[in-house]
Amino acid sequence: MKNRSWAFLAGGLLVALLLAGVVSNYASSHPDGLDSSLLKGCTVDADDNIVGGSCPAQQARDHEFADSPLADYGVRGVQNSFVSTGLSGVLGVLVTFAIGAGGFWLLRRRGTTPTGSDATPADARPTGGDATPTEDDAATSRVS
C-alpha cells in the first residue's frame, strides 16, 4: 500500500477513535423515535422509569447480552461514566477496524493467487524497462 493510503487510513482511524472516545459522551440521552413511540400511553418519571399507564414498553425485557462487558454503552467495572462510555466506543471502533482489515486482507490474499494456466513463470515476466509486447511475444501467444 502506498504511503498516502496508509496516512489516509490512519487519519480516518484517528478521527473515528476521537469521535467514539470523546464526542460520543455528548450524545443525547433522550430516547430516540422508537423508544419514544413505545412509551406512548405511559407515564414516566425523571429517570425514564414507567410509573403508570399502559404502553408496549411495559413488556420490554433485558437483552440476553445485558450482562456482557460492553453492555449499555459502557465498560463494566469502570466507575467513571465519561471514561466508561469513551472506552466502550474506542473498543468498538478497534474491534470493527480489526474485523474489516482482516476481511480485506483475506480477500486481497485470495485475489492475488494465480491458478492453473493463469500462472506465469517468474522467468517469463518482464523485469523492467519497456513492458510492451514484442513481435516474438505475439507470435508465441498465437501458437499457444
N, C-alpha and C. Protein backbone atom coordinates (compact mmCIF):
# COMPACT_ATOMS: atom_id res chain seq x y z
N MET A 1 0.84 -1.16 0.00
CA MET A 1 0.00 0.00 0.00
C MET A 1 0.89 1.23 0.00
N LYS A 2 0.47 2.28 -0.69
CA LYS A 2 1.25 3.50 -0.77
C LYS A 2 1.22 4.24 0.55
N ASN A 3 2.20 5.13 0.74
CA ASN A 3 2.26 5.91 1.98
C ASN A 3 1.03 6.79 2.14
N ARG A 4 0.51 7.34 1.03
CA ARG A 4 -0.68 8.19 1.12
C ARG A 4 -1.88 7.38 1.58
N SER A 5 -1.96 6.13 1.14
CA SER A 5 -3.07 5.28 1.56
C SER A 5 -2.98 4.99 3.05
N TRP A 6 -1.78 4.72 3.53
CA TRP A 6 -1.60 4.47 4.97
C TRP A 6 -1.94 5.71 5.78
N ALA A 7 -1.53 6.88 5.29
CA ALA A 7 -1.83 8.13 6.01
C ALA A 7 -3.34 8.38 6.05
N PHE A 8 -4.01 8.12 4.93
CA PHE A 8 -5.46 8.30 4.88
C PHE A 8 -6.15 7.33 5.84
N LEU A 9 -5.72 6.09 5.84
CA LEU A 9 -6.29 5.07 6.72
C LEU A 9 -6.05 5.42 8.19
N ALA A 10 -4.84 5.82 8.51
CA ALA A 10 -4.52 6.19 9.90
C ALA A 10 -5.30 7.43 10.32
N GLY A 11 -5.45 8.41 9.42
CA GLY A 11 -6.22 9.61 9.74
C GLY A 11 -7.68 9.28 9.99
N GLY A 12 -8.26 8.42 9.15
CA GLY A 12 -9.65 8.02 9.34
C GLY A 12 -9.86 7.27 10.64
N LEU A 13 -8.91 6.40 10.97
CA LEU A 13 -8.99 5.66 12.23
C LEU A 13 -8.88 6.61 13.42
N LEU A 14 -8.00 7.59 13.33
CA LEU A 14 -7.85 8.57 14.41
C LEU A 14 -9.12 9.38 14.61
N VAL A 15 -9.75 9.81 13.51
CA VAL A 15 -11.00 10.57 13.62
C VAL A 15 -12.09 9.70 14.24
N ALA A 16 -12.19 8.46 13.81
CA ALA A 16 -13.20 7.56 14.36
C ALA A 16 -12.97 7.33 15.85
N LEU A 17 -11.70 7.17 16.25
CA LEU A 17 -11.39 6.97 17.67
C LEU A 17 -11.74 8.21 18.50
N LEU A 18 -11.45 9.40 17.97
CA LEU A 18 -11.80 10.63 18.68
C LEU A 18 -13.31 10.80 18.82
N LEU A 19 -14.03 10.51 17.74
CA LEU A 19 -15.49 10.62 17.81
C LEU A 19 -16.07 9.61 18.80
N ALA A 20 -15.59 8.39 18.75
CA ALA A 20 -16.12 7.35 19.64
C ALA A 20 -15.69 7.57 21.08
N GLY A 21 -14.47 8.03 21.28
CA GLY A 21 -13.94 8.17 22.63
C GLY A 21 -14.34 9.44 23.36
N VAL A 22 -14.55 10.52 22.61
CA VAL A 22 -14.82 11.80 23.26
C VAL A 22 -16.21 12.32 22.93
N VAL A 23 -16.50 12.47 21.65
CA VAL A 23 -17.75 13.10 21.22
C VAL A 23 -18.96 12.26 21.60
N SER A 24 -18.81 10.94 21.66
CA SER A 24 -19.95 10.08 22.00
C SER A 24 -20.52 10.39 23.39
N ASN A 25 -19.72 10.96 24.26
CA ASN A 25 -20.20 11.31 25.60
C ASN A 25 -21.18 12.47 25.58
N TYR A 26 -21.20 13.22 24.49
CA TYR A 26 -22.08 14.38 24.40
C TYR A 26 -23.34 14.09 23.58
N ALA A 27 -23.58 12.84 23.25
CA ALA A 27 -24.78 12.46 22.51
C ALA A 27 -26.00 12.63 23.41
N SER A 28 -27.15 12.79 22.81
CA SER A 28 -28.39 13.00 23.57
C SER A 28 -28.73 11.76 24.40
N SER A 29 -29.16 12.00 25.62
CA SER A 29 -29.57 10.89 26.48
C SER A 29 -31.08 10.67 26.39
N HIS A 30 -31.78 11.50 25.62
CA HIS A 30 -33.21 11.33 25.45
C HIS A 30 -33.48 10.18 24.49
N PRO A 31 -34.58 9.47 24.69
CA PRO A 31 -34.85 8.33 23.83
C PRO A 31 -35.06 8.73 22.37
N ASP A 32 -34.71 7.82 21.48
CA ASP A 32 -34.91 8.08 20.06
C ASP A 32 -36.36 7.82 19.68
N GLY A 33 -36.67 7.87 18.41
CA GLY A 33 -38.05 7.72 17.93
C GLY A 33 -38.70 6.42 18.34
N LEU A 34 -37.99 5.30 18.24
CA LEU A 34 -38.57 4.01 18.59
C LEU A 34 -38.88 3.95 20.09
N ASP A 35 -37.92 4.36 20.91
CA ASP A 35 -38.16 4.35 22.35
C ASP A 35 -39.32 5.26 22.72
N SER A 36 -39.38 6.43 22.10
CA SER A 36 -40.46 7.37 22.40
C SER A 36 -41.82 6.81 22.01
N SER A 37 -41.89 6.16 20.85
CA SER A 37 -43.18 5.61 20.40
C SER A 37 -43.62 4.45 21.29
N LEU A 38 -42.68 3.69 21.83
CA LEU A 38 -43.04 2.58 22.72
C LEU A 38 -43.52 3.07 24.08
N LEU A 39 -43.18 4.31 24.44
CA LEU A 39 -43.60 4.87 25.73
C LEU A 39 -44.93 5.61 25.65
N LYS A 40 -45.50 5.75 24.46
CA LYS A 40 -46.77 6.47 24.34
C LYS A 40 -47.87 5.72 25.10
N GLY A 41 -48.55 6.45 25.95
CA GLY A 41 -49.61 5.86 26.77
C GLY A 41 -49.16 5.61 28.19
N CYS A 42 -47.86 5.72 28.46
CA CYS A 42 -47.34 5.51 29.81
C CYS A 42 -46.90 6.84 30.42
N THR A 43 -46.87 6.85 31.72
CA THR A 43 -46.33 7.98 32.45
C THR A 43 -44.96 7.58 32.96
N VAL A 44 -43.97 8.43 32.72
CA VAL A 44 -42.60 8.12 33.14
C VAL A 44 -42.10 9.19 34.09
N ASP A 45 -41.17 8.81 34.98
CA ASP A 45 -40.58 9.77 35.90
C ASP A 45 -39.33 10.39 35.27
N ALA A 46 -38.60 11.16 36.05
CA ALA A 46 -37.42 11.86 35.54
C ALA A 46 -36.31 10.91 35.07
N ASP A 47 -36.29 9.69 35.62
CA ASP A 47 -35.27 8.69 35.23
C ASP A 47 -35.77 7.78 34.12
N ASP A 48 -36.88 8.13 33.45
CA ASP A 48 -37.49 7.35 32.38
C ASP A 48 -37.98 5.98 32.83
N ASN A 49 -38.36 5.86 34.09
CA ASN A 49 -38.99 4.64 34.61
C ASN A 49 -40.49 4.78 34.46
N ILE A 50 -41.16 3.71 34.02
CA ILE A 50 -42.61 3.74 33.84
C ILE A 50 -43.27 3.68 35.20
N VAL A 51 -44.13 4.67 35.49
CA VAL A 51 -44.80 4.72 36.79
C VAL A 51 -46.31 4.56 36.66
N GLY A 52 -46.84 4.56 35.42
CA GLY A 52 -48.27 4.38 35.26
C GLY A 52 -48.66 4.31 33.79
N GLY A 53 -49.93 4.02 33.55
CA GLY A 53 -50.44 3.95 32.19
C GLY A 53 -50.24 2.57 31.57
N SER A 54 -50.47 2.52 30.26
CA SER A 54 -50.33 1.26 29.54
C SER A 54 -49.65 1.54 28.20
N CYS A 55 -48.55 0.85 27.95
CA CYS A 55 -47.80 1.05 26.70
C CYS A 55 -47.01 -0.22 26.36
N PRO A 56 -46.56 -0.34 25.10
CA PRO A 56 -45.79 -1.52 24.70
C PRO A 56 -44.47 -1.68 25.45
N ALA A 57 -43.91 -0.60 25.95
CA ALA A 57 -42.61 -0.68 26.64
C ALA A 57 -42.69 -1.47 27.94
N GLN A 58 -43.88 -1.68 28.45
CA GLN A 58 -44.02 -2.44 29.70
C GLN A 58 -43.68 -3.91 29.51
N GLN A 59 -43.75 -4.41 28.29
CA GLN A 59 -43.40 -5.80 28.02
C GLN A 59 -41.91 -5.98 27.71
N ALA A 60 -41.17 -4.92 27.79
CA ALA A 60 -39.73 -5.00 27.46
C ALA A 60 -38.99 -5.85 28.49
N ARG A 61 -38.03 -6.65 27.98
CA ARG A 61 -37.19 -7.48 28.84
C ARG A 61 -35.73 -7.15 28.54
N ASP A 62 -34.86 -7.56 29.45
CA ASP A 62 -33.43 -7.38 29.21
C ASP A 62 -32.98 -8.24 28.05
N HIS A 63 -32.03 -7.74 27.32
CA HIS A 63 -31.44 -8.49 26.21
C HIS A 63 -30.60 -9.62 26.78
N GLU A 64 -30.41 -10.70 26.02
CA GLU A 64 -29.64 -11.84 26.53
C GLU A 64 -28.16 -11.50 26.74
N PHE A 65 -27.68 -10.42 26.13
CA PHE A 65 -26.29 -9.98 26.33
C PHE A 65 -26.21 -8.79 27.28
N ALA A 66 -27.23 -8.58 28.10
CA ALA A 66 -27.25 -7.44 29.01
C ALA A 66 -26.14 -7.51 30.05
N ASP A 67 -25.60 -8.70 30.30
CA ASP A 67 -24.52 -8.85 31.28
C ASP A 67 -23.14 -8.84 30.63
N SER A 68 -23.06 -8.54 29.33
CA SER A 68 -21.76 -8.57 28.64
C SER A 68 -20.89 -7.39 29.09
N PRO A 69 -19.59 -7.47 28.89
CA PRO A 69 -18.68 -6.42 29.37
C PRO A 69 -18.92 -5.05 28.75
N LEU A 70 -19.49 -4.98 27.55
CA LEU A 70 -19.70 -3.68 26.89
C LEU A 70 -21.18 -3.32 26.76
N ALA A 71 -22.02 -3.89 27.62
CA ALA A 71 -23.46 -3.63 27.54
C ALA A 71 -23.78 -2.20 27.96
N ASP A 72 -24.82 -1.66 27.38
CA ASP A 72 -25.38 -0.35 27.76
C ASP A 72 -24.40 0.80 27.53
N TYR A 73 -23.66 0.76 26.43
CA TYR A 73 -22.74 1.82 26.02
C TYR A 73 -21.71 2.18 27.08
N GLY A 74 -21.19 1.18 27.76
CA GLY A 74 -20.18 1.40 28.77
C GLY A 74 -19.37 0.13 29.00
N VAL A 75 -18.32 0.27 29.79
CA VAL A 75 -17.47 -0.87 30.13
C VAL A 75 -17.74 -1.23 31.58
N ARG A 76 -18.14 -2.48 31.79
CA ARG A 76 -18.44 -2.91 33.15
C ARG A 76 -17.17 -2.83 34.00
N GLY A 77 -17.31 -2.31 35.19
CA GLY A 77 -16.19 -2.21 36.12
C GLY A 77 -15.55 -0.84 36.14
N VAL A 78 -15.81 0.01 35.16
CA VAL A 78 -15.27 1.37 35.14
C VAL A 78 -16.32 2.28 35.77
N GLN A 79 -15.99 2.91 36.87
CA GLN A 79 -16.95 3.70 37.63
C GLN A 79 -17.26 5.06 37.01
N ASN A 80 -16.28 5.69 36.37
CA ASN A 80 -16.47 7.00 35.76
C ASN A 80 -17.24 6.82 34.45
N SER A 81 -18.45 7.39 34.38
CA SER A 81 -19.30 7.17 33.20
C SER A 81 -18.70 7.77 31.93
N PHE A 82 -18.00 8.91 32.03
CA PHE A 82 -17.37 9.53 30.86
C PHE A 82 -16.30 8.60 30.29
N VAL A 83 -15.46 8.07 31.15
CA VAL A 83 -14.40 7.16 30.72
C VAL A 83 -15.00 5.84 30.22
N SER A 84 -16.01 5.35 30.91
CA SER A 84 -16.64 4.09 30.53
C SER A 84 -17.25 4.16 29.13
N THR A 85 -17.99 5.23 28.85
CA THR A 85 -18.60 5.41 27.53
C THR A 85 -17.53 5.58 26.45
N GLY A 86 -16.53 6.40 26.73
CA GLY A 86 -15.46 6.63 25.76
C GLY A 86 -14.68 5.37 25.47
N LEU A 87 -14.36 4.62 26.50
CA LEU A 87 -13.60 3.37 26.33
C LEU A 87 -14.42 2.34 25.55
N SER A 88 -15.71 2.30 25.81
CA SER A 88 -16.58 1.40 25.07
C SER A 88 -16.58 1.75 23.58
N GLY A 89 -16.66 3.03 23.27
CA GLY A 89 -16.62 3.47 21.87
C GLY A 89 -15.30 3.15 21.20
N VAL A 90 -14.20 3.41 21.90
CA VAL A 90 -12.87 3.13 21.35
C VAL A 90 -12.70 1.63 21.09
N LEU A 91 -13.11 0.80 22.04
CA LEU A 91 -13.01 -0.65 21.85
C LEU A 91 -13.88 -1.11 20.67
N GLY A 92 -15.06 -0.53 20.54
CA GLY A 92 -15.92 -0.88 19.42
C GLY A 92 -15.30 -0.52 18.07
N VAL A 93 -14.68 0.66 17.99
CA VAL A 93 -14.01 1.08 16.75
C VAL A 93 -12.85 0.15 16.44
N LEU A 94 -12.04 -0.18 17.44
CA LEU A 94 -10.88 -1.04 17.21
C LEU A 94 -11.29 -2.44 16.78
N VAL A 95 -12.31 -3.00 17.40
CA VAL A 95 -12.78 -4.34 17.02
C VAL A 95 -13.34 -4.31 15.60
N THR A 96 -14.14 -3.30 15.29
CA THR A 96 -14.70 -3.18 13.94
C THR A 96 -13.60 -3.00 12.90
N PHE A 97 -12.61 -2.17 13.21
CA PHE A 97 -11.49 -1.96 12.29
C PHE A 97 -10.71 -3.26 12.08
N ALA A 98 -10.46 -3.99 13.17
CA ALA A 98 -9.71 -5.24 13.06
C ALA A 98 -10.45 -6.27 12.21
N ILE A 99 -11.76 -6.38 12.40
CA ILE A 99 -12.54 -7.33 11.60
C ILE A 99 -12.54 -6.91 10.14
N GLY A 100 -12.74 -5.63 9.87
CA GLY A 100 -12.73 -5.13 8.50
C GLY A 100 -11.38 -5.30 7.83
N ALA A 101 -10.30 -4.94 8.53
CA ALA A 101 -8.96 -5.08 7.97
C ALA A 101 -8.62 -6.55 7.72
N GLY A 102 -9.02 -7.42 8.64
CA GLY A 102 -8.78 -8.85 8.45
C GLY A 102 -9.54 -9.38 7.24
N GLY A 103 -10.77 -8.94 7.08
CA GLY A 103 -11.56 -9.36 5.92
C GLY A 103 -10.95 -8.89 4.61
N PHE A 104 -10.52 -7.63 4.56
CA PHE A 104 -9.88 -7.12 3.35
C PHE A 104 -8.55 -7.83 3.09
N TRP A 105 -7.83 -8.13 4.15
CA TRP A 105 -6.55 -8.84 3.98
C TRP A 105 -6.79 -10.22 3.39
N LEU A 106 -7.81 -10.92 3.90
CA LEU A 106 -8.12 -12.25 3.36
C LEU A 106 -8.56 -12.17 1.90
N LEU A 107 -9.39 -11.20 1.56
CA LEU A 107 -9.82 -11.04 0.18
C LEU A 107 -8.66 -10.69 -0.74
N ARG A 108 -7.76 -9.84 -0.28
CA ARG A 108 -6.60 -9.46 -1.08
C ARG A 108 -5.70 -10.66 -1.31
N ARG A 109 -5.49 -11.46 -0.29
CA ARG A 109 -4.66 -12.66 -0.41
C ARG A 109 -5.29 -13.65 -1.38
N ARG A 110 -6.58 -13.81 -1.29
CA ARG A 110 -7.29 -14.76 -2.13
C ARG A 110 -7.27 -14.30 -3.59
N GLY A 111 -7.37 -13.01 -3.85
CA GLY A 111 -7.45 -12.49 -5.21
C GLY A 111 -6.13 -12.45 -5.94
N THR A 112 -4.98 -12.52 -5.27
CA THR A 112 -3.70 -12.39 -5.95
C THR A 112 -3.03 -13.72 -6.23
N THR A 113 -3.62 -14.81 -5.83
CA THR A 113 -3.01 -16.12 -6.05
C THR A 113 -3.31 -16.61 -7.46
N PRO A 114 -2.27 -16.78 -8.32
CA PRO A 114 -2.53 -17.29 -9.66
C PRO A 114 -2.89 -18.77 -9.61
N THR A 115 -3.81 -19.17 -10.49
CA THR A 115 -4.24 -20.57 -10.51
C THR A 115 -4.12 -21.14 -11.90
N GLY A 116 -3.82 -22.42 -12.00
CA GLY A 116 -3.82 -23.17 -13.26
C GLY A 116 -3.03 -22.53 -14.37
N SER A 117 -3.66 -22.36 -15.54
CA SER A 117 -2.97 -21.84 -16.72
C SER A 117 -2.75 -20.34 -16.64
N ASP A 118 -3.35 -19.66 -15.65
CA ASP A 118 -3.15 -18.22 -15.50
C ASP A 118 -1.77 -17.91 -14.93
N ALA A 119 -1.13 -18.88 -14.30
CA ALA A 119 0.15 -18.65 -13.65
C ALA A 119 1.23 -18.46 -14.71
N THR A 120 2.03 -17.44 -14.53
CA THR A 120 3.14 -17.15 -15.44
C THR A 120 4.43 -17.44 -14.70
N PRO A 121 5.34 -18.22 -15.28
CA PRO A 121 6.61 -18.48 -14.61
C PRO A 121 7.36 -17.17 -14.36
N ALA A 122 8.11 -17.14 -13.27
CA ALA A 122 8.81 -15.92 -12.88
C ALA A 122 9.80 -15.47 -13.94
N ASP A 123 10.46 -16.41 -14.64
CA ASP A 123 11.45 -16.01 -15.63
C ASP A 123 10.81 -15.51 -16.93
N ALA A 124 9.51 -15.67 -17.12
CA ALA A 124 8.85 -15.21 -18.33
C ALA A 124 8.25 -13.83 -18.16
N ARG A 125 8.26 -13.28 -16.93
CA ARG A 125 7.70 -11.96 -16.70
C ARG A 125 8.70 -10.90 -17.09
N PRO A 126 8.21 -9.74 -17.60
CA PRO A 126 9.14 -8.65 -17.91
C PRO A 126 9.76 -8.15 -16.61
N THR A 127 11.05 -7.84 -16.65
CA THR A 127 11.77 -7.45 -15.44
C THR A 127 11.99 -5.96 -15.35
N GLY A 128 11.69 -5.22 -16.33
CA GLY A 128 11.89 -3.78 -16.22
C GLY A 128 11.89 -3.15 -17.58
N GLY A 129 12.08 -1.84 -17.59
CA GLY A 129 12.14 -1.15 -18.85
C GLY A 129 10.79 -1.16 -19.54
N ASP A 130 10.80 -1.43 -20.85
CA ASP A 130 9.59 -1.40 -21.65
C ASP A 130 8.83 -2.71 -21.47
N ALA A 131 7.60 -2.62 -21.00
CA ALA A 131 6.80 -3.81 -20.76
C ALA A 131 5.84 -4.10 -21.90
N THR A 132 6.01 -3.40 -23.06
CA THR A 132 5.12 -3.65 -24.18
C THR A 132 5.50 -4.95 -24.87
N PRO A 133 4.54 -5.70 -25.39
CA PRO A 133 4.84 -6.98 -26.03
C PRO A 133 5.62 -6.78 -27.33
N THR A 134 6.50 -7.72 -27.61
CA THR A 134 7.28 -7.68 -28.84
C THR A 134 6.62 -8.60 -29.86
N GLU A 135 7.17 -8.62 -31.07
CA GLU A 135 6.62 -9.49 -32.11
C GLU A 135 6.77 -10.95 -31.72
N ASP A 136 7.88 -11.31 -31.04
CA ASP A 136 8.09 -12.68 -30.59
C ASP A 136 6.99 -13.09 -29.59
N ASP A 137 6.61 -12.15 -28.68
CA ASP A 137 5.55 -12.44 -27.71
C ASP A 137 4.23 -12.67 -28.42
N ALA A 138 3.92 -11.86 -29.43
CA ALA A 138 2.68 -12.01 -30.16
C ALA A 138 2.63 -13.34 -30.91
N ALA A 139 3.75 -13.73 -31.50
CA ALA A 139 3.80 -15.00 -32.22
C ALA A 139 3.63 -16.17 -31.26
N THR A 140 4.22 -16.09 -30.10
CA THR A 140 4.11 -17.14 -29.11
C THR A 140 2.68 -17.28 -28.63
N SER A 141 1.98 -16.16 -28.44
CA SER A 141 0.62 -16.23 -27.95
C SER A 141 -0.33 -16.79 -29.00
N ARG A 142 -0.03 -16.59 -30.29
CA ARG A 142 -0.90 -17.15 -31.34
C ARG A 142 -0.71 -18.64 -31.46
N VAL A 143 0.50 -19.13 -31.18
CA VAL A 143 0.78 -20.55 -31.29
C VAL A 143 0.10 -21.32 -30.17
N SER A 144 0.09 -20.77 -28.95
CA SER A 144 -0.47 -21.48 -27.82
C SER A 144 -1.94 -21.43 -27.80
